[in-house]
Amino acid sequence: ADFDRVMAVNVRGQFLGLRGAFRR
């Protein structure tokens, strides 16, 4: 659960931010 939480924020979160920036 802790591993998943870190990956969710630090990796998924950055992916979503990158994807959102490119879409914009």
PDBML (XML) file of the C-alpha atoms, coordinates in Angstrom:
<?xml version="1.0" encoding="UTF-8" ?>
<PDBx:datablock datablockName="MODEL"
   xmlns:PDBx="http://pdbml.pdb.org/schema/pdbx-v50.xsd"
   xmlns:xsi="http://www.w3.org/2001/XMLSchema-instance"
   xsi:schemaLocation="http://pdbml.pdb.org/schema/pdbx-v50.xsd pdbx-v50.xsd">
   <PDBx:atom_siteCategory>
      <PDBx:atom_site id="1">
         <PDBx:B_iso_or_equiv>0.00</PDBx:B_iso_or_equiv>
         <PDBx:Cartn_x>0.000</PDBx:Cartn_x>
         <PDBx:Cartn_y>0.000</PDBx:Cartn_y>
         <PDBx:Cartn_z>0.000</PDBx:Cartn_z>
         <PDBx:auth_asym_id>A</PDBx:auth_asym_id>
         <PDBx:auth_atom_id>CA</PDBx:auth_atom_id>
         <PDBx:auth_comp_id>ALA</PDBx:auth_comp_id>
         <PDBx:auth_seq_id>1</PDBx:auth_seq_id>
         <PDBx:group_PDB>ATOM</PDBx:group_PDB>
         <PDBx:label_alt_id xsi:nil="true" />
         <PDBx:label_asym_id>A</PDBx:label_asym_id>
         <PDBx:label_atom_id>CA</PDBx:label_atom_id>
         <PDBx:label_comp_id>ALA</PDBx:label_comp_id>
         <PDBx:label_entity_id>1</PDBx:label_entity_id>
         <PDBx:label_seq_id>1</PDBx:label_seq_id>
         <PDBx:occupancy>1.00</PDBx:occupancy>
         <PDBx:pdbx_PDB_model_num>1</PDBx:pdbx_PDB_model_num>
         <PDBx:type_symbol>C</PDBx:type_symbol>
      </PDBx:atom_site>
      <PDBx:atom_site id="2">
         <PDBx:B_iso_or_equiv>0.00</PDBx:B_iso_or_equiv>
         <PDBx:Cartn_x>2.822</PDBx:Cartn_x>
         <PDBx:Cartn_y>2.423</PDBx:Cartn_y>
         <PDBx:Cartn_z>0.831</PDBx:Cartn_z>
         <PDBx:auth_asym_id>A</PDBx:auth_asym_id>
         <PDBx:auth_atom_id>CA</PDBx:auth_atom_id>
         <PDBx:auth_comp_id>ASP</PDBx:auth_comp_id>
         <PDBx:auth_seq_id>2</PDBx:auth_seq_id>
         <PDBx:group_PDB>ATOM</PDBx:group_PDB>
         <PDBx:label_alt_id xsi:nil="true" />
         <PDBx:label_asym_id>A</PDBx:label_asym_id>
         <PDBx:label_atom_id>CA</PDBx:label_atom_id>
         <PDBx:label_comp_id>ASP</PDBx:label_comp_id>
         <PDBx:label_entity_id>1</PDBx:label_entity_id>
         <PDBx:label_seq_id>2</PDBx:label_seq_id>
         <PDBx:occupancy>1.00</PDBx:occupancy>
         <PDBx:pdbx_PDB_model_num>1</PDBx:pdbx_PDB_model_num>
         <PDBx:type_symbol>C</PDBx:type_symbol>
      </PDBx:atom_site>
      <PDBx:atom_site id="3">
         <PDBx:B_iso_or_equiv>0.00</PDBx:B_iso_or_equiv>
         <PDBx:Cartn_x>4.702</PDBx:Cartn_x>
         <PDBx:Cartn_y>1.543</PDBx:Cartn_y>
         <PDBx:Cartn_z>-2.360</PDBx:Cartn_z>
         <PDBx:auth_asym_id>A</PDBx:auth_asym_id>
         <PDBx:auth_atom_id>CA</PDBx:auth_atom_id>
         <PDBx:auth_comp_id>PHE</PDBx:auth_comp_id>
         <PDBx:auth_seq_id>3</PDBx:auth_seq_id>
         <PDBx:group_PDB>ATOM</PDBx:group_PDB>
         <PDBx:label_alt_id xsi:nil="true" />
         <PDBx:label_asym_id>A</PDBx:label_asym_id>
         <PDBx:label_atom_id>CA</PDBx:label_atom_id>
         <PDBx:label_comp_id>PHE</PDBx:label_comp_id>
         <PDBx:label_entity_id>1</PDBx:label_entity_id>
         <PDBx:label_seq_id>3</PDBx:label_seq_id>
         <PDBx:occupancy>1.00</PDBx:occupancy>
         <PDBx:pdbx_PDB_model_num>1</PDBx:pdbx_PDB_model_num>
         <PDBx:type_symbol>C</PDBx:type_symbol>
      </PDBx:atom_site>
      <PDBx:atom_site id="4">
         <PDBx:B_iso_or_equiv>0.00</PDBx:B_iso_or_equiv>
         <PDBx:Cartn_x>1.539</PDBx:Cartn_x>
         <PDBx:Cartn_y>2.054</PDBx:Cartn_y>
         <PDBx:Cartn_z>-4.408</PDBx:Cartn_z>
         <PDBx:auth_asym_id>A</PDBx:auth_asym_id>
         <PDBx:auth_atom_id>CA</PDBx:auth_atom_id>
         <PDBx:auth_comp_id>ASP</PDBx:auth_comp_id>
         <PDBx:auth_seq_id>4</PDBx:auth_seq_id>
         <PDBx:group_PDB>ATOM</PDBx:group_PDB>
         <PDBx:label_alt_id xsi:nil="true" />
         <PDBx:label_asym_id>A</PDBx:label_asym_id>
         <PDBx:label_atom_id>CA</PDBx:label_atom_id>
         <PDBx:label_comp_id>ASP</PDBx:label_comp_id>
         <PDBx:label_entity_id>1</PDBx:label_entity_id>
         <PDBx:label_seq_id>4</PDBx:label_seq_id>
         <PDBx:occupancy>1.00</PDBx:occupancy>
         <PDBx:pdbx_PDB_model_num>1</PDBx:pdbx_PDB_model_num>
         <PDBx:type_symbol>C</PDBx:type_symbol>
      </PDBx:atom_site>
      <PDBx:atom_site id="5">
         <PDBx:B_iso_or_equiv>0.00</PDBx:B_iso_or_equiv>
         <PDBx:Cartn_x>0.829</PDBx:Cartn_x>
         <PDBx:Cartn_y>5.392</PDBx:Cartn_y>
         <PDBx:Cartn_z>-2.709</PDBx:Cartn_z>
         <PDBx:auth_asym_id>A</PDBx:auth_asym_id>
         <PDBx:auth_atom_id>CA</PDBx:auth_atom_id>
         <PDBx:auth_comp_id>ARG</PDBx:auth_comp_id>
         <PDBx:auth_seq_id>5</PDBx:auth_seq_id>
         <PDBx:group_PDB>ATOM</PDBx:group_PDB>
         <PDBx:label_alt_id xsi:nil="true" />
         <PDBx:label_asym_id>A</PDBx:label_asym_id>
         <PDBx:label_atom_id>CA</PDBx:label_atom_id>
         <PDBx:label_comp_id>ARG</PDBx:label_comp_id>
         <PDBx:label_entity_id>1</PDBx:label_entity_id>
         <PDBx:label_seq_id>5</PDBx:label_seq_id>
         <PDBx:occupancy>1.00</PDBx:occupancy>
         <PDBx:pdbx_PDB_model_num>1</PDBx:pdbx_PDB_model_num>
         <PDBx:type_symbol>C</PDBx:type_symbol>
      </PDBx:atom_site>
      <PDBx:atom_site id="6">
         <PDBx:B_iso_or_equiv>0.00</PDBx:B_iso_or_equiv>
         <PDBx:Cartn_x>4.266</PDBx:Cartn_x>
         <PDBx:Cartn_y>6.772</PDBx:Cartn_y>
         <PDBx:Cartn_z>-3.568</PDBx:Cartn_z>
         <PDBx:auth_asym_id>A</PDBx:auth_asym_id>
         <PDBx:auth_atom_id>CA</PDBx:auth_atom_id>
         <PDBx:auth_comp_id>VAL</PDBx:auth_comp_id>
         <PDBx:auth_seq_id>6</PDBx:auth_seq_id>
         <PDBx:group_PDB>ATOM</PDBx:group_PDB>
         <PDBx:label_alt_id xsi:nil="true" />
         <PDBx:label_asym_id>A</PDBx:label_asym_id>
         <PDBx:label_atom_id>CA</PDBx:label_atom_id>
         <PDBx:label_comp_id>VAL</PDBx:label_comp_id>
         <PDBx:label_entity_id>1</PDBx:label_entity_id>
         <PDBx:label_seq_id>6</PDBx:label_seq_id>
         <PDBx:occupancy>1.00</PDBx:occupancy>
         <PDBx:pdbx_PDB_model_num>1</PDBx:pdbx_PDB_model_num>
         <PDBx:type_symbol>C</PDBx:type_symbol>
      </PDBx:atom_site>
      <PDBx:atom_site id="7">
         <PDBx:B_iso_or_equiv>0.00</PDBx:B_iso_or_equiv>
         <PDBx:Cartn_x>4.046</PDBx:Cartn_x>
         <PDBx:Cartn_y>5.565</PDBx:Cartn_y>
         <PDBx:Cartn_z>-7.147</PDBx:Cartn_z>
         <PDBx:auth_asym_id>A</PDBx:auth_asym_id>
         <PDBx:auth_atom_id>CA</PDBx:auth_atom_id>
         <PDBx:auth_comp_id>MET</PDBx:auth_comp_id>
         <PDBx:auth_seq_id>7</PDBx:auth_seq_id>
         <PDBx:group_PDB>ATOM</PDBx:group_PDB>
         <PDBx:label_alt_id xsi:nil="true" />
         <PDBx:label_asym_id>A</PDBx:label_asym_id>
         <PDBx:label_atom_id>CA</PDBx:label_atom_id>
         <PDBx:label_comp_id>MET</PDBx:label_comp_id>
         <PDBx:label_entity_id>1</PDBx:label_entity_id>
         <PDBx:label_seq_id>7</PDBx:label_seq_id>
         <PDBx:occupancy>1.00</PDBx:occupancy>
         <PDBx:pdbx_PDB_model_num>1</PDBx:pdbx_PDB_model_num>
         <PDBx:type_symbol>C</PDBx:type_symbol>
      </PDBx:atom_site>
      <PDBx:atom_site id="8">
         <PDBx:B_iso_or_equiv>0.00</PDBx:B_iso_or_equiv>
         <PDBx:Cartn_x>0.538</PDBx:Cartn_x>
         <PDBx:Cartn_y>6.999</PDBx:Cartn_y>
         <PDBx:Cartn_z>-7.497</PDBx:Cartn_z>
         <PDBx:auth_asym_id>A</PDBx:auth_asym_id>
         <PDBx:auth_atom_id>CA</PDBx:auth_atom_id>
         <PDBx:auth_comp_id>ALA</PDBx:auth_comp_id>
         <PDBx:auth_seq_id>8</PDBx:auth_seq_id>
         <PDBx:group_PDB>ATOM</PDBx:group_PDB>
         <PDBx:label_alt_id xsi:nil="true" />
         <PDBx:label_asym_id>A</PDBx:label_asym_id>
         <PDBx:label_atom_id>CA</PDBx:label_atom_id>
         <PDBx:label_comp_id>ALA</PDBx:label_comp_id>
         <PDBx:label_entity_id>1</PDBx:label_entity_id>
         <PDBx:label_seq_id>8</PDBx:label_seq_id>
         <PDBx:occupancy>1.00</PDBx:occupancy>
         <PDBx:pdbx_PDB_model_num>1</PDBx:pdbx_PDB_model_num>
         <PDBx:type_symbol>C</PDBx:type_symbol>
      </PDBx:atom_site>
      <PDBx:atom_site id="9">
         <PDBx:B_iso_or_equiv>0.00</PDBx:B_iso_or_equiv>
         <PDBx:Cartn_x>1.661</PDBx:Cartn_x>
         <PDBx:Cartn_y>10.502</PDBx:Cartn_y>
         <PDBx:Cartn_z>-6.578</PDBx:Cartn_z>
         <PDBx:auth_asym_id>A</PDBx:auth_asym_id>
         <PDBx:auth_atom_id>CA</PDBx:auth_atom_id>
         <PDBx:auth_comp_id>VAL</PDBx:auth_comp_id>
         <PDBx:auth_seq_id>9</PDBx:auth_seq_id>
         <PDBx:group_PDB>ATOM</PDBx:group_PDB>
         <PDBx:label_alt_id xsi:nil="true" />
         <PDBx:label_asym_id>A</PDBx:label_asym_id>
         <PDBx:label_atom_id>CA</PDBx:label_atom_id>
         <PDBx:label_comp_id>VAL</PDBx:label_comp_id>
         <PDBx:label_entity_id>1</PDBx:label_entity_id>
         <PDBx:label_seq_id>9</PDBx:label_seq_id>
         <PDBx:occupancy>1.00</PDBx:occupancy>
         <PDBx:pdbx_PDB_model_num>1</PDBx:pdbx_PDB_model_num>
         <PDBx:type_symbol>C</PDBx:type_symbol>
      </PDBx:atom_site>
      <PDBx:atom_site id="10">
         <PDBx:B_iso_or_equiv>0.00</PDBx:B_iso_or_equiv>
         <PDBx:Cartn_x>5.233</PDBx:Cartn_x>
         <PDBx:Cartn_y>10.616</PDBx:Cartn_y>
         <PDBx:Cartn_z>-7.880</PDBx:Cartn_z>
         <PDBx:auth_asym_id>A</PDBx:auth_asym_id>
         <PDBx:auth_atom_id>CA</PDBx:auth_atom_id>
         <PDBx:auth_comp_id>ASN</PDBx:auth_comp_id>
         <PDBx:auth_seq_id>10</PDBx:auth_seq_id>
         <PDBx:group_PDB>ATOM</PDBx:group_PDB>
         <PDBx:label_alt_id xsi:nil="true" />
         <PDBx:label_asym_id>A</PDBx:label_asym_id>
         <PDBx:label_atom_id>CA</PDBx:label_atom_id>
         <PDBx:label_comp_id>ASN</PDBx:label_comp_id>
         <PDBx:label_entity_id>1</PDBx:label_entity_id>
         <PDBx:label_seq_id>10</PDBx:label_seq_id>
         <PDBx:occupancy>1.00</PDBx:occupancy>
         <PDBx:pdbx_PDB_model_num>1</PDBx:pdbx_PDB_model_num>
         <PDBx:type_symbol>C</PDBx:type_symbol>
      </PDBx:atom_site>
      <PDBx:atom_site id="11">
         <PDBx:B_iso_or_equiv>0.00</PDBx:B_iso_or_equiv>
         <PDBx:Cartn_x>4.738</PDBx:Cartn_x>
         <PDBx:Cartn_y>8.693</PDBx:Cartn_y>
         <PDBx:Cartn_z>-11.135</PDBx:Cartn_z>
         <PDBx:auth_asym_id>A</PDBx:auth_asym_id>
         <PDBx:auth_atom_id>CA</PDBx:auth_atom_id>
         <PDBx:auth_comp_id>VAL</PDBx:auth_comp_id>
         <PDBx:auth_seq_id>11</PDBx:auth_seq_id>
         <PDBx:group_PDB>ATOM</PDBx:group_PDB>
         <PDBx:label_alt_id xsi:nil="true" />
         <PDBx:label_asym_id>A</PDBx:label_asym_id>
         <PDBx:label_atom_id>CA</PDBx:label_atom_id>
         <PDBx:label_comp_id>VAL</PDBx:label_comp_id>
         <PDBx:label_entity_id>1</PDBx:label_entity_id>
         <PDBx:label_seq_id>11</PDBx:label_seq_id>
         <PDBx:occupancy>1.00</PDBx:occupancy>
         <PDBx:pdbx_PDB_model_num>1</PDBx:pdbx_PDB_model_num>
         <PDBx:type_symbol>C</PDBx:type_symbol>
      </PDBx:atom_site>
      <PDBx:atom_site id="12">
         <PDBx:B_iso_or_equiv>0.00</PDBx:B_iso_or_equiv>
         <PDBx:Cartn_x>1.044</PDBx:Cartn_x>
         <PDBx:Cartn_y>8.613</PDBx:Cartn_y>
         <PDBx:Cartn_z>-12.017</PDBx:Cartn_z>
         <PDBx:auth_asym_id>A</PDBx:auth_asym_id>
         <PDBx:auth_atom_id>CA</PDBx:auth_atom_id>
         <PDBx:auth_comp_id>ARG</PDBx:auth_comp_id>
         <PDBx:auth_seq_id>12</PDBx:auth_seq_id>
         <PDBx:group_PDB>ATOM</PDBx:group_PDB>
         <PDBx:label_alt_id xsi:nil="true" />
         <PDBx:label_asym_id>A</PDBx:label_asym_id>
         <PDBx:label_atom_id>CA</PDBx:label_atom_id>
         <PDBx:label_comp_id>ARG</PDBx:label_comp_id>
         <PDBx:label_entity_id>1</PDBx:label_entity_id>
         <PDBx:label_seq_id>12</PDBx:label_seq_id>
         <PDBx:occupancy>1.00</PDBx:occupancy>
         <PDBx:pdbx_PDB_model_num>1</PDBx:pdbx_PDB_model_num>
         <PDBx:type_symbol>C</PDBx:type_symbol>
      </PDBx:atom_site>
      <PDBx:atom_site id="13">
         <PDBx:B_iso_or_equiv>0.00</PDBx:B_iso_or_equiv>
         <PDBx:Cartn_x>0.691</PDBx:Cartn_x>
         <PDBx:Cartn_y>12.213</PDBx:Cartn_y>
         <PDBx:Cartn_z>-10.850</PDBx:Cartn_z>
         <PDBx:auth_asym_id>A</PDBx:auth_asym_id>
         <PDBx:auth_atom_id>CA</PDBx:auth_atom_id>
         <PDBx:auth_comp_id>GLY</PDBx:auth_comp_id>
         <PDBx:auth_seq_id>13</PDBx:auth_seq_id>
         <PDBx:group_PDB>ATOM</PDBx:group_PDB>
         <PDBx:label_alt_id xsi:nil="true" />
         <PDBx:label_asym_id>A</PDBx:label_asym_id>
         <PDBx:label_atom_id>CA</PDBx:label_atom_id>
         <PDBx:label_comp_id>GLY</PDBx:label_comp_id>
         <PDBx:label_entity_id>1</PDBx:label_entity_id>
         <PDBx:label_seq_id>13</PDBx:label_seq_id>
         <PDBx:occupancy>1.00</PDBx:occupancy>
         <PDBx:pdbx_PDB_model_num>1</PDBx:pdbx_PDB_model_num>
         <PDBx:type_symbol>C</PDBx:type_symbol>
      </PDBx:atom_site>
      <PDBx:atom_site id="14">
         <PDBx:B_iso_or_equiv>0.00</PDBx:B_iso_or_equiv>
         <PDBx:Cartn_x>3.585</PDBx:Cartn_x>
         <PDBx:Cartn_y>13.400</PDBx:Cartn_y>
         <PDBx:Cartn_z>-13.022</PDBx:Cartn_z>
         <PDBx:auth_asym_id>A</PDBx:auth_asym_id>
         <PDBx:auth_atom_id>CA</PDBx:auth_atom_id>
         <PDBx:auth_comp_id>GLN</PDBx:auth_comp_id>
         <PDBx:auth_seq_id>14</PDBx:auth_seq_id>
         <PDBx:group_PDB>ATOM</PDBx:group_PDB>
         <PDBx:label_alt_id xsi:nil="true" />
         <PDBx:label_asym_id>A</PDBx:label_asym_id>
         <PDBx:label_atom_id>CA</PDBx:label_atom_id>
         <PDBx:label_comp_id>GLN</PDBx:label_comp_id>
         <PDBx:label_entity_id>1</PDBx:label_entity_id>
         <PDBx:label_seq_id>14</PDBx:label_seq_id>
         <PDBx:occupancy>1.00</PDBx:occupancy>
         <PDBx:pdbx_PDB_model_num>1</PDBx:pdbx_PDB_model_num>
         <PDBx:type_symbol>C</PDBx:type_symbol>
      </PDBx:atom_site>
      <PDBx:atom_site id="15">
         <PDBx:B_iso_or_equiv>0.00</PDBx:B_iso_or_equiv>
         <PDBx:Cartn_x>2.266</PDBx:Cartn_x>
         <PDBx:Cartn_y>11.399</PDBx:Cartn_y>
         <PDBx:Cartn_z>-15.975</PDBx:Cartn_z>
         <PDBx:auth_asym_id>A</PDBx:auth_asym_id>
         <PDBx:auth_atom_id>CA</PDBx:auth_atom_id>
         <PDBx:auth_comp_id>PHE</PDBx:auth_comp_id>
         <PDBx:auth_seq_id>15</PDBx:auth_seq_id>
         <PDBx:group_PDB>ATOM</PDBx:group_PDB>
         <PDBx:label_alt_id xsi:nil="true" />
         <PDBx:label_asym_id>A</PDBx:label_asym_id>
         <PDBx:label_atom_id>CA</PDBx:label_atom_id>
         <PDBx:label_comp_id>PHE</PDBx:label_comp_id>
         <PDBx:label_entity_id>1</PDBx:label_entity_id>
         <PDBx:label_seq_id>15</PDBx:label_seq_id>
         <PDBx:occupancy>1.00</PDBx:occupancy>
         <PDBx:pdbx_PDB_model_num>1</PDBx:pdbx_PDB_model_num>
         <PDBx:type_symbol>C</PDBx:type_symbol>
      </PDBx:atom_site>
      <PDBx:atom_site id="16">
         <PDBx:B_iso_or_equiv>0.00</PDBx:B_iso_or_equiv>
         <PDBx:Cartn_x>-1.160</PDBx:Cartn_x>
         <PDBx:Cartn_y>13.004</PDBx:Cartn_y>
         <PDBx:Cartn_z>-15.636</PDBx:Cartn_z>
         <PDBx:auth_asym_id>A</PDBx:auth_asym_id>
         <PDBx:auth_atom_id>CA</PDBx:auth_atom_id>
         <PDBx:auth_comp_id>LEU</PDBx:auth_comp_id>
         <PDBx:auth_seq_id>16</PDBx:auth_seq_id>
         <PDBx:group_PDB>ATOM</PDBx:group_PDB>
         <PDBx:label_alt_id xsi:nil="true" />
         <PDBx:label_asym_id>A</PDBx:label_asym_id>
         <PDBx:label_atom_id>CA</PDBx:label_atom_id>
         <PDBx:label_comp_id>LEU</PDBx:label_comp_id>
         <PDBx:label_entity_id>1</PDBx:label_entity_id>
         <PDBx:label_seq_id>16</PDBx:label_seq_id>
         <PDBx:occupancy>1.00</PDBx:occupancy>
         <PDBx:pdbx_PDB_model_num>1</PDBx:pdbx_PDB_model_num>
         <PDBx:type_symbol>C</PDBx:type_symbol>
      </PDBx:atom_site>
      <PDBx:atom_site id="17">
         <PDBx:B_iso_or_equiv>0.00</PDBx:B_iso_or_equiv>
         <PDBx:Cartn_x>0.436</PDBx:Cartn_x>
         <PDBx:Cartn_y>16.432</PDBx:Cartn_y>
         <PDBx:Cartn_z>-15.417</PDBx:Cartn_z>
         <PDBx:auth_asym_id>A</PDBx:auth_asym_id>
         <PDBx:auth_atom_id>CA</PDBx:auth_atom_id>
         <PDBx:auth_comp_id>GLY</PDBx:auth_comp_id>
         <PDBx:auth_seq_id>17</PDBx:auth_seq_id>
         <PDBx:group_PDB>ATOM</PDBx:group_PDB>
         <PDBx:label_alt_id xsi:nil="true" />
         <PDBx:label_asym_id>A</PDBx:label_asym_id>
         <PDBx:label_atom_id>CA</PDBx:label_atom_id>
         <PDBx:label_comp_id>GLY</PDBx:label_comp_id>
         <PDBx:label_entity_id>1</PDBx:label_entity_id>
         <PDBx:label_seq_id>17</PDBx:label_seq_id>
         <PDBx:occupancy>1.00</PDBx:occupancy>
         <PDBx:pdbx_PDB_model_num>1</PDBx:pdbx_PDB_model_num>
         <PDBx:type_symbol>C</PDBx:type_symbol>
      </PDBx:atom_site>
      <PDBx:atom_site id="18">
         <PDBx:B_iso_or_equiv>0.00</PDBx:B_iso_or_equiv>
         <PDBx:Cartn_x>2.572</PDBx:Cartn_x>
         <PDBx:Cartn_y>15.805</PDBx:Cartn_y>
         <PDBx:Cartn_z>-18.499</PDBx:Cartn_z>
         <PDBx:auth_asym_id>A</PDBx:auth_asym_id>
         <PDBx:auth_atom_id>CA</PDBx:auth_atom_id>
         <PDBx:auth_comp_id>LEU</PDBx:auth_comp_id>
         <PDBx:auth_seq_id>18</PDBx:auth_seq_id>
         <PDBx:group_PDB>ATOM</PDBx:group_PDB>
         <PDBx:label_alt_id xsi:nil="true" />
         <PDBx:label_asym_id>A</PDBx:label_asym_id>
         <PDBx:label_atom_id>CA</PDBx:label_atom_id>
         <PDBx:label_comp_id>LEU</PDBx:label_comp_id>
         <PDBx:label_entity_id>1</PDBx:label_entity_id>
         <PDBx:label_seq_id>18</PDBx:label_seq_id>
         <PDBx:occupancy>1.00</PDBx:occupancy>
         <PDBx:pdbx_PDB_model_num>1</PDBx:pdbx_PDB_model_num>
         <PDBx:type_symbol>C</PDBx:type_symbol>
      </PDBx:atom_site>
      <PDBx:atom_site id="19">
         <PDBx:B_iso_or_equiv>0.00</PDBx:B_iso_or_equiv>
         <PDBx:Cartn_x>-0.338</PDBx:Cartn_x>
         <PDBx:Cartn_y>14.411</PDBx:Cartn_y>
         <PDBx:Cartn_z>-20.457</PDBx:Cartn_z>
         <PDBx:auth_asym_id>A</PDBx:auth_asym_id>
         <PDBx:auth_atom_id>CA</PDBx:auth_atom_id>
         <PDBx:auth_comp_id>ARG</PDBx:auth_comp_id>
         <PDBx:auth_seq_id>19</PDBx:auth_seq_id>
         <PDBx:group_PDB>ATOM</PDBx:group_PDB>
         <PDBx:label_alt_id xsi:nil="true" />
         <PDBx:label_asym_id>A</PDBx:label_asym_id>
         <PDBx:label_atom_id>CA</PDBx:label_atom_id>
         <PDBx:label_comp_id>ARG</PDBx:label_comp_id>
         <PDBx:label_entity_id>1</PDBx:label_entity_id>
         <PDBx:label_seq_id>19</PDBx:label_seq_id>
         <PDBx:occupancy>1.00</PDBx:occupancy>
         <PDBx:pdbx_PDB_model_num>1</PDBx:pdbx_PDB_model_num>
         <PDBx:type_symbol>C</PDBx:type_symbol>
      </PDBx:atom_site>
      <PDBx:atom_site id="20">
         <PDBx:B_iso_or_equiv>0.00</PDBx:B_iso_or_equiv>
         <PDBx:Cartn_x>-2.521</PDBx:Cartn_x>
         <PDBx:Cartn_y>17.337</PDBx:Cartn_y>
         <PDBx:Cartn_z>-19.462</PDBx:Cartn_z>
         <PDBx:auth_asym_id>A</PDBx:auth_asym_id>
         <PDBx:auth_atom_id>CA</PDBx:auth_atom_id>
         <PDBx:auth_comp_id>GLY</PDBx:auth_comp_id>
         <PDBx:auth_seq_id>20</PDBx:auth_seq_id>
         <PDBx:group_PDB>ATOM</PDBx:group_PDB>
         <PDBx:label_alt_id xsi:nil="true" />
         <PDBx:label_asym_id>A</PDBx:label_asym_id>
         <PDBx:label_atom_id>CA</PDBx:label_atom_id>
         <PDBx:label_comp_id>GLY</PDBx:label_comp_id>
         <PDBx:label_entity_id>1</PDBx:label_entity_id>
         <PDBx:label_seq_id>20</PDBx:label_seq_id>
         <PDBx:occupancy>1.00</PDBx:occupancy>
         <PDBx:pdbx_PDB_model_num>1</PDBx:pdbx_PDB_model_num>
         <PDBx:type_symbol>C</PDBx:type_symbol>
      </PDBx:atom_site>
      <PDBx:atom_site id="21">
         <PDBx:B_iso_or_equiv>0.00</PDBx:B_iso_or_equiv>
         <PDBx:Cartn_x>0.158</PDBx:Cartn_x>
         <PDBx:Cartn_y>19.816</PDBx:Cartn_y>
         <PDBx:Cartn_z>-20.508</PDBx:Cartn_z>
         <PDBx:auth_asym_id>A</PDBx:auth_asym_id>
         <PDBx:auth_atom_id>CA</PDBx:auth_atom_id>
         <PDBx:auth_comp_id>ALA</PDBx:auth_comp_id>
         <PDBx:auth_seq_id>21</PDBx:auth_seq_id>
         <PDBx:group_PDB>ATOM</PDBx:group_PDB>
         <PDBx:label_alt_id xsi:nil="true" />
         <PDBx:label_asym_id>A</PDBx:label_asym_id>
         <PDBx:label_atom_id>CA</PDBx:label_atom_id>
         <PDBx:label_comp_id>ALA</PDBx:label_comp_id>
         <PDBx:label_entity_id>1</PDBx:label_entity_id>
         <PDBx:label_seq_id>21</PDBx:label_seq_id>
         <PDBx:occupancy>1.00</PDBx:occupancy>
         <PDBx:pdbx_PDB_model_num>1</PDBx:pdbx_PDB_model_num>
         <PDBx:type_symbol>C</PDBx:type_symbol>
      </PDBx:atom_site>
      <PDBx:atom_site id="22">
         <PDBx:B_iso_or_equiv>0.00</PDBx:B_iso_or_equiv>
         <PDBx:Cartn_x>0.558</PDBx:Cartn_x>
         <PDBx:Cartn_y>18.188</PDBx:Cartn_y>
         <PDBx:Cartn_z>-23.920</PDBx:Cartn_z>
         <PDBx:auth_asym_id>A</PDBx:auth_asym_id>
         <PDBx:auth_atom_id>CA</PDBx:auth_atom_id>
         <PDBx:auth_comp_id>PHE</PDBx:auth_comp_id>
         <PDBx:auth_seq_id>22</PDBx:auth_seq_id>
         <PDBx:group_PDB>ATOM</PDBx:group_PDB>
         <PDBx:label_alt_id xsi:nil="true" />
         <PDBx:label_asym_id>A</PDBx:label_asym_id>
         <PDBx:label_atom_id>CA</PDBx:label_atom_id>
         <PDBx:label_comp_id>PHE</PDBx:label_comp_id>
         <PDBx:label_entity_id>1</PDBx:label_entity_id>
         <PDBx:label_seq_id>22</PDBx:label_seq_id>
         <PDBx:occupancy>1.00</PDBx:occupancy>
         <PDBx:pdbx_PDB_model_num>1</PDBx:pdbx_PDB_model_num>
         <PDBx:type_symbol>C</PDBx:type_symbol>
      </PDBx:atom_site>
      <PDBx:atom_site id="23">
         <PDBx:B_iso_or_equiv>0.00</PDBx:B_iso_or_equiv>
         <PDBx:Cartn_x>-3.200</PDBx:Cartn_x>
         <PDBx:Cartn_y>18.090</PDBx:Cartn_y>
         <PDBx:Cartn_z>-24.442</PDBx:Cartn_z>
         <PDBx:auth_asym_id>A</PDBx:auth_asym_id>
         <PDBx:auth_atom_id>CA</PDBx:auth_atom_id>
         <PDBx:auth_comp_id>ARG</PDBx:auth_comp_id>
         <PDBx:auth_seq_id>23</PDBx:auth_seq_id>
         <PDBx:group_PDB>ATOM</PDBx:group_PDB>
         <PDBx:label_alt_id xsi:nil="true" />
         <PDBx:label_asym_id>A</PDBx:label_asym_id>
         <PDBx:label_atom_id>CA</PDBx:label_atom_id>
         <PDBx:label_comp_id>ARG</PDBx:label_comp_id>
         <PDBx:label_entity_id>1</PDBx:label_entity_id>
         <PDBx:label_seq_id>23</PDBx:label_seq_id>
         <PDBx:occupancy>1.00</PDBx:occupancy>
         <PDBx:pdbx_PDB_model_num>1</PDBx:pdbx_PDB_model_num>
         <PDBx:type_symbol>C</PDBx:type_symbol>
      </PDBx:atom_site>
      <PDBx:atom_site id="24">
         <PDBx:B_iso_or_equiv>0.00</PDBx:B_iso_or_equiv>
         <PDBx:Cartn_x>-3.404</PDBx:Cartn_x>
         <PDBx:Cartn_y>21.787</PDBx:Cartn_y>
         <PDBx:Cartn_z>-23.609</PDBx:Cartn_z>
         <PDBx:auth_asym_id>A</PDBx:auth_asym_id>
         <PDBx:auth_atom_id>CA</PDBx:auth_atom_id>
         <PDBx:auth_comp_id>ARG</PDBx:auth_comp_id>
         <PDBx:auth_seq_id>24</PDBx:auth_seq_id>
         <PDBx:group_PDB>ATOM</PDBx:group_PDB>
         <PDBx:label_alt_id xsi:nil="true" />
         <PDBx:label_asym_id>A</PDBx:label_asym_id>
         <PDBx:label_atom_id>CA</PDBx:label_atom_id>
         <PDBx:label_comp_id>ARG</PDBx:label_comp_id>
         <PDBx:label_entity_id>1</PDBx:label_entity_id>
         <PDBx:label_seq_id>24</PDBx:label_seq_id>
         <PDBx:occupancy>1.00</PDBx:occupancy>
         <PDBx:pdbx_PDB_model_num>1</PDBx:pdbx_PDB_model_num>
         <PDBx:type_symbol>C</PDBx:type_symbol>
      </PDBx:atom_site>
   </PDBx:atom_siteCategory>
</PDBx:datablock>
